[in-house]
Protein backbone atom coordinates (compact mmCIF):
# COMPACT_ATOMS: atom_id res chain seq x y z
CA MET A 1 -42.75 -33.40 -57.83
CA THR A 2 -42.50 -36.14 -55.25
CA MET A 3 -41.46 -35.58 -51.68
CA ASN A 4 -39.40 -38.05 -49.68
CA THR A 5 -41.33 -38.93 -46.55
CA VAL A 6 -40.29 -40.71 -43.42
CA SER A 7 -42.96 -42.09 -41.11
CA THR A 8 -42.16 -42.33 -37.45
CA PRO A 9 -44.86 -43.87 -35.27
CA LYS A 10 -45.32 -42.23 -31.90
CA PRO A 11 -45.88 -44.58 -28.97
CA ASP A 12 -48.52 -42.24 -27.43
CA CYS A 13 -50.82 -41.83 -30.38
CA GLN A 14 -52.46 -43.94 -33.01
CA VAL A 15 -51.64 -41.68 -36.00
CA PRO A 16 -48.03 -41.73 -37.22
CA THR A 17 -46.44 -38.35 -37.82
CA THR A 18 -44.78 -37.65 -41.14
CA GLU A 19 -41.60 -35.65 -41.59
CA THR A 20 -40.90 -34.41 -45.08
CA ARG A 21 -37.49 -33.68 -46.48
CA HIS A 22 -37.43 -31.28 -49.37
CA PRO A 23 -35.56 -32.67 -52.40
CA ALA A 24 -33.71 -29.35 -52.77
CA SER A 25 -31.66 -30.15 -49.65
CA ALA A 26 -29.71 -32.73 -51.66
CA TYR A 27 -29.00 -30.11 -54.33
CA LEU A 28 -27.92 -27.62 -51.67
CA ARG A 29 -25.53 -30.15 -50.17
CA ARG A 30 -24.07 -30.92 -53.61
CA GLY A 31 -23.73 -27.19 -54.30
CA ILE A 32 -21.81 -26.63 -51.09
CA ILE A 33 -19.48 -29.53 -51.85
CA ALA A 34 -18.92 -28.26 -55.40
CA THR A 35 -18.15 -24.76 -54.10
CA VAL A 36 -15.60 -26.05 -51.60
CA LEU A 37 -13.91 -28.24 -54.19
CA THR A 38 -13.80 -25.36 -56.69
CA GLY A 39 -12.23 -23.11 -54.05
CA LEU A 40 -9.56 -25.70 -53.30
CA PHE A 41 -8.84 -26.12 -57.01
CA VAL A 42 -8.50 -22.37 -57.56
CA ALA A 43 -6.25 -22.03 -54.49
CA GLY A 44 -4.03 -24.79 -55.84
CA CYS A 45 -3.79 -23.09 -59.25
CA ALA A 46 -2.72 -19.81 -57.66
CA ARG A 47 0.66 -21.30 -56.76
CA ASP A 48 3.60 -21.24 -59.14
CA PRO A 49 2.98 -23.69 -61.98
CA VAL A 50 5.24 -26.71 -62.25
CA GLY A 51 8.16 -26.10 -64.60
CA ALA A 52 7.79 -22.32 -64.55
CA ALA A 53 10.89 -20.25 -65.14
CA PRO A 54 12.44 -18.90 -61.95
CA SER A 55 11.77 -15.28 -61.18
CA ALA A 56 14.37 -12.68 -62.11
CA ALA A 57 14.39 -11.20 -58.60
CA PRO A 58 17.23 -12.50 -56.42
CA ALA A 59 16.42 -14.31 -53.22
CA PRO A 60 16.44 -12.11 -50.12
CA ASN A 61 19.75 -12.20 -48.24
CA ALA A 62 21.47 -13.94 -51.14
CA PRO A 63 25.03 -14.91 -50.16
CA ASN A 64 26.61 -13.30 -53.26
CA GLU A 65 25.27 -9.83 -52.38
CA PRO A 66 27.40 -7.56 -50.24
CA SER A 67 25.91 -7.13 -46.79
CA LYS A 68 24.80 -3.72 -45.56
CA ALA A 69 27.09 -1.90 -43.16
CA THR A 70 26.00 -2.19 -39.54
CA THR A 71 24.71 1.03 -38.04
CA TYR A 72 24.91 1.85 -34.34
CA LYS A 73 22.51 4.27 -32.62
CA CYS A 74 22.19 5.81 -29.18
CA PRO A 75 19.10 4.50 -27.34
CA MET A 76 18.40 7.97 -25.94
CA HIS A 77 19.39 10.05 -28.98
CA PRO A 78 18.23 8.34 -32.23
CA ASN A 79 19.79 11.11 -34.31
CA VAL A 80 23.28 10.02 -33.14
CA THR A 81 24.48 7.23 -35.47
CA SER A 82 27.82 5.61 -36.18
CA ASP A 83 29.18 2.83 -38.39
CA LYS A 84 31.17 1.33 -35.47
CA PRO A 85 30.43 0.74 -31.78
CA GLY A 86 31.33 3.44 -29.31
CA LYS A 87 29.84 5.99 -26.92
CA CYS A 88 27.19 8.64 -27.57
CA PRO A 89 28.86 12.08 -27.61
CA GLU A 90 25.80 13.67 -25.96
CA CYS A 91 25.11 11.33 -23.03
CA GLY A 92 28.00 8.84 -22.97
CA MET A 93 25.80 5.73 -23.33
CA ASN A 94 27.01 2.77 -25.40
CA LEU A 95 25.74 2.79 -28.99
CA GLU A 96 23.55 -0.20 -29.89
CA LYS A 97 23.09 -2.00 -33.21
CA ALA A 98 20.22 -0.57 -35.19
CA PRO A 99 17.72 -3.08 -36.59
């Protein structure tokens, strides 16, 4: 097994120092790149495939569905509800739209 060496002479001394780079570092770098690319590929495949049949579930808030009736609640008495705006019978506050 051969090692890649880089000689860098030092201005202070007569003997050049040698730094060695292990050949496995190139394999590690390639492995990291391959892992990232594989992750991106898998993430891209997780989406709906092109030309797939649409799902049977209707879209949320579809315009052809009847809307839910609005409910009004008292801010101080959540047990008091009504289907139209008005006043709370217990405290007289205005009823507010419930989320």
